[in-house]
Amino acid sequence: MLVTLQHIRAARERIVGKVERTPCVLSQSLSDRAGHPVHLKLEHHQTTGAFKLRGASNAIAALSPEEKSRGVVAASTGNHGRALAHAAKLESMRAVICMSRLVPGNKLDAIRRLGSEVRIVGNSQDDAQQEVDRLVAEDGLVMLPPFDHPDIVAGQGTLGLEIMEQVPDAAAVLVPLSGGGLAAGVAAAVKGVSPGTKVTGISMARGAAMKASLDAGRPVQVEELPTLADSLGGGIGLDNRLTFAMCRDLLDDVILLAEDEIAAGIRHAYGQEREIVEGAGAVGIGALLAGKVKTSGPTVLILSGKNIDMGQHRRIVCGESSGRERAA
């Protein structure tokens, strides 16, 4: 079952009061460069620092009392885990977050502070998912995956509704792309309201699983590699039921960025926009600066993810790191 505009509108009603309606502001510097208005949807101002809280809140709200009593479990590259931990804490629920060794330590600490159990397993999201599957089978926990779940996708889609209310004449929306939960939900919402608006997914060149899968015409496995856009890492699942088909049918294009282009996005966000974002949150800016996206009308870039290690952020904005050493 694909997620529709009706599902997304129902999700918005379900999460009222549980998530922030984030600002959407005009970037003068990027507008001057593009020759038309460029707006920044500041989703990194969300309570847990990323859009993931929308999907996690909707999915938990949709659980039955019996399911809530069992607790939830998920694999995560960090931001979904933090969002699920936050949403579970509000319901006094158990939450177990399984992550690989590639997840930055600051993201692990943030999840632990919310009271959730963290398990580090292997070197990829696939390894972490094996632990999730075991906990579902042996402990009876309810799995709420980071993207391939209708309630997760519908929750993320509420971001698209806000964008079209804030910039109703948007000609293009640039969306960070990983497993496709955000891109699928936003595209369903945006095109449900404005079918002519183009939606482009932006990812990193190192380990872009959705792009490789779309190129192959089916979900494929891709090696997970170190990248500044660590939140966009991980596979889409060889048994993907939802987001692959939605991204295939709804996205107009997918653009990949080199590590130095992601670093340039982080620097611009801080130096020109006074915003602190992680690599995944800066890919829209990076794509525009690199000239990899050509838009002809009002454009919205989603900035999502402020959970960057601040030592790494300092090195990037001070020019001590180009991003290439992260990929080495």
Protein backbone atom coordinates (compact mmCIF):
# COMPACT_ATOMS: atom_id res chain seq x y z
CA MET A 1 0.00 0.00 0.00
CA LEU A 2 1.44 3.35 -1.01
CA VAL A 3 1.04 6.39 1.24
CA THR A 4 -1.37 8.98 -0.11
CA LEU A 5 -2.17 12.60 0.64
CA GLN A 6 -5.11 11.39 2.73
CA HIS A 7 -2.78 9.31 4.94
CA ILE A 8 -0.44 12.27 5.37
CA ARG A 9 -3.24 14.61 6.39
CA ALA A 10 -4.41 12.04 8.94
CA ALA A 11 -0.87 11.82 10.30
CA ARG A 12 -0.74 15.57 10.76
CA GLU A 13 -3.84 15.44 12.95
CA ARG A 14 -2.30 12.60 14.96
CA ILE A 15 0.96 14.41 15.77
CA VAL A 16 -0.40 17.89 16.53
CA GLY A 17 1.35 19.12 19.67
CA LYS A 18 4.06 16.46 19.43
CA VAL A 19 6.24 18.08 16.75
CA GLU A 20 7.18 21.63 15.81
CA ARG A 21 5.93 23.47 12.74
CA THR A 22 9.37 24.55 11.58
CA PRO A 23 10.19 27.87 9.86
CA CYS A 24 10.71 28.27 6.12
CA VAL A 25 12.88 31.32 5.40
CA LEU A 26 14.20 33.07 2.31
CA SER A 27 17.95 32.73 1.69
CA GLN A 28 19.10 35.95 0.07
CA SER A 29 22.54 34.57 -0.75
CA LEU A 30 21.20 31.47 -2.51
CA SER A 31 18.41 33.45 -4.19
CA ASP A 32 20.98 35.82 -5.66
CA ARG A 33 22.99 32.87 -6.94
CA ALA A 34 19.98 31.05 -8.42
CA GLY A 35 18.24 34.11 -9.87
CA HIS A 36 14.95 33.29 -8.17
CA PRO A 37 13.71 32.79 -4.59
CA VAL A 38 15.35 29.98 -2.65
CA HIS A 39 13.76 29.10 0.68
CA LEU A 40 15.25 27.04 3.50
CA LYS A 41 12.90 24.74 5.40
CA LEU A 42 14.62 24.73 8.80
CA GLU A 43 13.64 21.23 9.90
CA HIS A 44 16.85 20.95 11.94
CA HIS A 45 15.00 23.25 14.37
CA GLN A 46 12.72 20.28 15.12
CA THR A 47 12.69 19.14 18.77
CA THR A 48 15.18 16.30 18.24
CA GLY A 49 17.11 18.13 15.52
CA ALA A 50 15.71 16.33 12.47
CA PHE A 51 12.54 15.43 10.57
CA LYS A 52 12.57 11.90 12.00
CA LEU A 53 10.41 12.97 14.95
CA ARG A 54 7.43 13.33 12.62
CA GLY A 55 7.46 9.71 11.51
CA ALA A 56 8.37 8.29 14.91
CA SER A 57 5.60 10.25 16.65
CA ASN A 58 3.01 9.17 14.09
CA ALA A 59 4.04 5.52 14.23
CA ILE A 60 3.95 5.36 18.02
CA ALA A 61 0.61 7.18 18.14
CA ALA A 62 -0.81 4.53 15.78
CA LEU A 63 0.20 1.59 18.04
CA SER A 64 -2.37 -0.30 20.07
CA PRO A 65 -2.13 -0.28 23.89
CA GLU A 66 -0.90 -3.88 23.77
CA GLU A 67 1.86 -2.97 21.30
CA LYS A 68 2.91 0.00 23.42
CA SER A 69 3.25 -2.29 26.43
CA ARG A 70 5.76 -4.46 24.54
CA GLY A 71 8.08 -1.59 23.58
CA VAL A 72 9.70 -0.68 20.29
CA VAL A 73 12.97 -1.39 18.52
CA ALA A 74 14.66 0.02 15.43
CA ALA A 75 17.90 0.17 13.50
CA SER A 76 19.16 3.71 13.00
CA THR A 77 22.02 5.86 11.76
CA GLY A 78 21.23 8.18 14.68
CA ASN A 79 18.41 10.62 14.03
CA HIS A 80 15.59 8.05 13.78
CA GLY A 81 16.86 6.46 16.98
CA ARG A 82 16.85 9.78 18.77
CA ALA A 83 13.36 10.58 17.51
CA LEU A 84 12.01 7.17 18.51
CA ALA A 85 13.65 7.44 21.93
CA HIS A 86 12.02 10.86 22.45
CA ALA A 87 8.57 9.72 21.31
CA ALA A 88 8.77 6.53 23.40
CA LYS A 89 9.82 8.46 26.49
CA LEU A 90 6.71 10.65 26.23
CA GLU A 91 4.63 7.44 26.35
CA SER A 92 6.78 5.83 29.11
CA MET A 93 7.63 3.01 26.69
CA ARG A 94 10.70 0.83 26.36
CA ALA A 95 12.82 1.58 23.30
CA VAL A 96 15.90 -0.25 22.03
CA ILE A 97 17.98 1.37 19.28
CA CYS A 98 20.42 -0.77 17.28
CA MET A 99 23.22 0.98 15.41
CA SER A 100 26.47 0.18 13.65
CA ARG A 101 29.97 1.32 14.61
CA LEU A 102 29.80 4.01 11.91
CA VAL A 103 27.32 6.11 13.92
CA PRO A 104 29.05 9.14 15.54
CA GLY A 105 29.42 9.04 19.31
CA ASN A 106 27.52 12.28 19.92
CA LYS A 107 24.39 10.69 18.43
CA LEU A 108 24.74 7.62 20.64
CA ASP A 109 25.05 9.80 23.74
CA ALA A 110 21.95 11.80 22.85
CA ILE A 111 19.86 8.62 22.58
CA ARG A 112 21.16 7.27 25.88
CA ARG A 113 20.28 10.54 27.62
CA LEU A 114 16.66 9.99 26.59
CA GLY A 115 16.63 6.72 28.51
CA SER A 116 16.65 4.27 25.60
CA GLU A 117 18.89 1.24 25.38
CA VAL A 118 21.59 1.44 22.68
CA ARG A 119 23.11 -1.63 21.06
CA ILE A 120 26.12 -1.33 18.74
CA VAL A 121 26.23 -4.15 16.22
CA GLY A 122 28.58 -4.57 13.26
CA ASN A 123 29.67 -2.09 10.62
CA SER A 124 26.44 -1.46 8.72
CA GLN A 125 22.73 -0.87 9.03
CA ASP A 126 22.20 -4.42 7.77
CA ASP A 127 24.19 -5.75 10.73
CA ALA A 128 22.15 -3.64 13.14
CA GLN A 129 18.94 -4.85 11.52
CA GLN A 130 19.85 -8.45 12.35
CA GLU A 131 19.83 -7.54 16.04
CA VAL A 132 16.46 -5.82 15.56
CA ASP A 133 15.03 -8.97 14.00
CA ARG A 134 16.31 -11.04 16.91
CA LEU A 135 14.73 -8.74 19.50
CA VAL A 136 11.40 -8.85 17.67
CA ALA A 137 11.47 -12.66 17.58
CA GLU A 138 12.80 -13.31 21.09
CA ASP A 139 11.60 -10.33 23.18
CA GLY A 140 8.39 -9.45 21.34
CA LEU A 141 9.39 -5.82 20.70
CA VAL A 142 7.54 -3.94 17.95
CA MET A 143 9.79 -2.92 15.06
CA LEU A 144 9.42 0.64 13.82
CA PRO A 145 11.94 0.94 10.98
CA PRO A 146 13.54 4.25 10.00
CA PHE A 147 11.79 4.54 6.63
CA ASP A 148 9.99 1.53 5.09
CA HIS A 149 6.76 1.74 7.09
CA PRO A 150 3.51 3.49 6.08
CA ASP A 151 3.09 5.37 9.36
CA ILE A 152 6.71 6.53 9.25
CA VAL A 153 6.37 7.74 5.65
CA ALA A 154 3.04 9.46 6.36
CA GLY A 155 4.56 11.27 9.33
CA GLN A 156 7.51 12.48 7.27
CA GLY A 157 5.05 13.63 4.62
CA THR A 158 3.65 16.24 6.99
CA LEU A 159 6.83 18.21 6.24
CA GLY A 160 5.73 18.40 2.60
CA LEU A 161 2.33 19.77 3.61
CA GLU A 162 4.01 22.54 5.59
CA ILE A 163 6.28 23.42 2.67
CA MET A 164 3.36 23.86 0.28
CA GLU A 165 1.52 26.01 2.82
CA GLN A 166 4.58 28.19 3.39
CA VAL A 167 5.70 28.41 -0.28
CA PRO A 168 2.55 27.62 -2.31
CA ASP A 169 4.21 28.62 -5.59
CA ALA A 170 7.21 26.31 -5.12
CA ALA A 171 8.51 25.07 -8.45
CA ALA A 172 11.02 22.65 -6.93
CA VAL A 173 11.78 20.96 -3.61
CA LEU A 174 15.19 19.42 -2.81
CA VAL A 175 15.00 16.55 -0.31
CA PRO A 176 17.82 14.65 1.43
CA LEU A 177 17.59 11.03 0.27
CA SER A 178 18.58 7.91 2.15
CA GLY A 179 16.15 5.02 2.61
CA GLY A 180 13.44 7.17 1.09
CA GLY A 181 11.07 7.74 4.00
CA LEU A 182 11.41 11.51 3.86
CA ALA A 183 11.63 11.74 0.07
CA ALA A 184 8.64 9.45 -0.47
CA GLY A 185 6.47 11.25 2.09
CA VAL A 186 7.40 14.74 0.99
CA ALA A 187 6.96 13.88 -2.69
CA ALA A 188 3.52 12.35 -2.02
CA ALA A 189 2.44 15.46 -0.14
CA VAL A 190 3.94 18.00 -2.54
CA LYS A 191 2.66 16.33 -5.69
CA GLY A 192 -0.69 15.64 -4.06
CA VAL A 193 -1.12 19.37 -3.57
CA SER A 194 0.84 20.65 -6.60
CA PRO A 195 1.45 17.95 -9.26
CA GLY A 196 3.70 20.24 -11.32
CA THR A 197 6.22 20.87 -8.54
CA LYS A 198 9.46 18.95 -9.08
CA VAL A 199 10.92 16.94 -6.21
CA THR A 200 14.61 15.99 -6.37
CA GLY A 201 16.38 13.63 -3.99
CA ILE A 202 19.92 14.59 -2.93
CA SER A 203 22.38 12.06 -1.54
CA MET A 204 26.10 11.43 -1.20
CA ALA A 205 28.15 9.64 -3.84
CA ARG A 206 29.58 7.20 -1.28
CA GLY A 207 27.08 4.41 -0.63
CA ALA A 208 23.86 5.92 -2.02
CA ALA A 209 21.67 2.83 -1.77
CA MET A 210 18.44 4.30 -3.13
CA LYS A 211 20.15 5.77 -6.20
CA ALA A 212 21.86 2.43 -6.94
CA SER A 213 18.55 0.63 -6.50
CA LEU A 214 16.66 3.02 -8.77
CA ASP A 215 19.36 2.61 -11.41
CA ALA A 216 19.11 -1.19 -11.13
CA GLY A 217 15.31 -1.19 -11.20
CA ARG A 218 15.14 -3.12 -7.94
CA PRO A 219 16.46 -2.86 -4.36
CA VAL A 220 20.16 -3.74 -4.27
CA GLN A 221 22.74 -3.93 -1.52
CA VAL A 222 25.43 -1.23 -1.41
CA GLU A 223 28.52 -1.10 0.79
CA GLU A 224 28.06 1.39 3.62
CA LEU A 225 31.00 3.81 3.66
CA PRO A 226 32.16 6.65 5.92
CA THR A 227 30.74 9.98 4.78
CA LEU A 228 30.04 13.47 6.10
CA ALA A 229 26.37 12.72 5.36
CA ASP A 230 26.37 9.77 7.78
CA SER A 231 22.61 10.08 8.37
CA LEU A 232 22.05 9.18 4.72
CA GLY A 233 23.96 5.90 5.00
CA GLY A 234 22.57 2.39 5.08
CA GLY A 235 20.65 0.20 2.67
CA ILE A 236 17.00 0.34 1.68
CA GLY A 237 16.37 -3.36 2.37
CA LEU A 238 16.27 -6.02 -0.33
CA ASP A 239 12.64 -6.71 0.66
CA ASN A 240 11.69 -3.00 0.56
CA ARG A 241 7.90 -2.81 0.43
CA LEU A 242 7.18 0.88 0.12
CA THR A 243 9.79 3.58 -0.29
CA PHE A 244 11.56 2.16 -3.35
CA ALA A 245 8.34 2.15 -5.38
CA MET A 246 7.31 5.59 -4.14
CA CYS A 247 10.70 7.16 -4.90
CA ARG A 248 10.73 5.49 -8.31
CA ASP A 249 7.29 6.83 -9.16
CA LEU A 250 7.39 10.27 -7.52
CA LEU A 251 10.94 11.66 -7.62
CA ASP A 252 11.84 13.69 -10.70
CA ASP A 253 15.59 13.22 -10.27
CA VAL A 254 18.30 12.05 -7.86
CA ILE A 255 21.60 13.96 -7.50
CA LEU A 256 24.77 12.68 -5.81
CA LEU A 257 27.39 14.86 -4.10
CA ALA A 258 31.10 14.40 -3.46
CA GLU A 259 32.37 14.83 0.10
CA ASP A 260 33.86 18.27 -0.59
CA GLU A 261 30.52 19.42 -2.00
CA ILE A 262 28.79 18.32 1.21
CA ALA A 263 31.43 20.16 3.25
CA ALA A 264 30.80 23.29 1.14
CA GLY A 265 27.11 23.05 2.04
CA ILE A 266 27.92 22.85 5.75
CA ARG A 267 30.23 25.89 5.49
CA HIS A 268 27.68 27.94 3.56
CA ALA A 269 24.90 27.09 6.00
CA TYR A 270 27.03 28.41 8.86
CA GLY A 271 28.82 31.30 7.19
CA GLN A 272 25.92 32.74 5.16
CA GLU A 273 22.76 31.45 6.82
CA ARG A 274 23.98 31.23 10.43
CA GLU A 275 22.66 27.67 10.68
CA ILE A 276 24.50 24.65 12.12
CA VAL A 277 23.64 21.52 10.16
CA GLU A 278 25.19 18.09 9.71
CA GLY A 279 26.20 16.75 6.33
CA ALA A 280 22.80 15.22 5.58
CA GLY A 281 21.14 18.54 6.30
CA ALA A 282 23.45 20.46 3.98
CA VAL A 283 23.12 18.38 0.80
CA GLY A 284 20.49 20.65 -0.77
CA ILE A 285 22.72 23.67 -0.34
CA GLY A 286 25.70 21.66 -1.57
CA ALA A 287 23.86 20.61 -4.73
CA LEU A 288 22.85 24.19 -5.50
CA LEU A 289 26.36 25.56 -4.89
CA ALA A 290 27.88 22.84 -7.08
CA GLY A 291 25.55 23.68 -9.95
CA LYS A 292 24.21 20.14 -9.99
CA VAL A 293 20.58 21.25 -9.72
CA LYS A 294 19.05 23.74 -12.14
CA THR A 295 15.76 25.26 -11.03
CA SER A 296 13.68 27.90 -12.80
CA GLY A 297 11.35 29.12 -10.07
CA PRO A 298 10.87 29.31 -6.30
CA THR A 299 12.83 26.49 -4.73
CA VAL A 300 12.72 24.96 -1.24
CA LEU A 301 15.74 23.21 0.31
CA ILE A 302 15.07 20.98 3.32
CA LEU A 303 17.71 21.42 6.03
CA SER A 304 17.32 18.52 8.42
CA GLY A 305 19.84 17.31 10.93
CA LYS A 306 21.78 19.52 13.34
CA ASN A 307 23.28 16.61 15.28
CA ILE A 308 26.85 17.06 14.05
CA ASP A 309 29.90 16.62 16.23
CA MET A 310 30.89 20.21 16.96
CA GLY A 311 34.60 19.49 16.73
CA GLN A 312 34.06 18.20 13.22
CA HIS A 313 31.86 21.20 12.42
CA ARG A 314 34.58 23.60 13.55
CA ARG A 315 37.18 21.89 11.38
CA ILE A 316 34.91 22.08 8.33
CA VAL A 317 33.86 25.71 8.70
CA CYS A 318 37.44 26.79 9.47
CA GLY A 319 38.69 25.08 6.32
CA GLU A 320 40.74 22.52 8.22
CA SER A 321 38.65 19.71 6.71
CA SER A 322 37.37 19.46 3.14
CA GLY A 323 35.47 16.24 3.76
CA ARG A 324 37.91 14.16 1.73
CA GLU A 325 39.62 12.66 4.79
CA ARG A 326 36.23 11.40 6.03
CA ALA A 327 35.99 9.40 2.82
CA ALA A 328 39.57 8.07 3.01
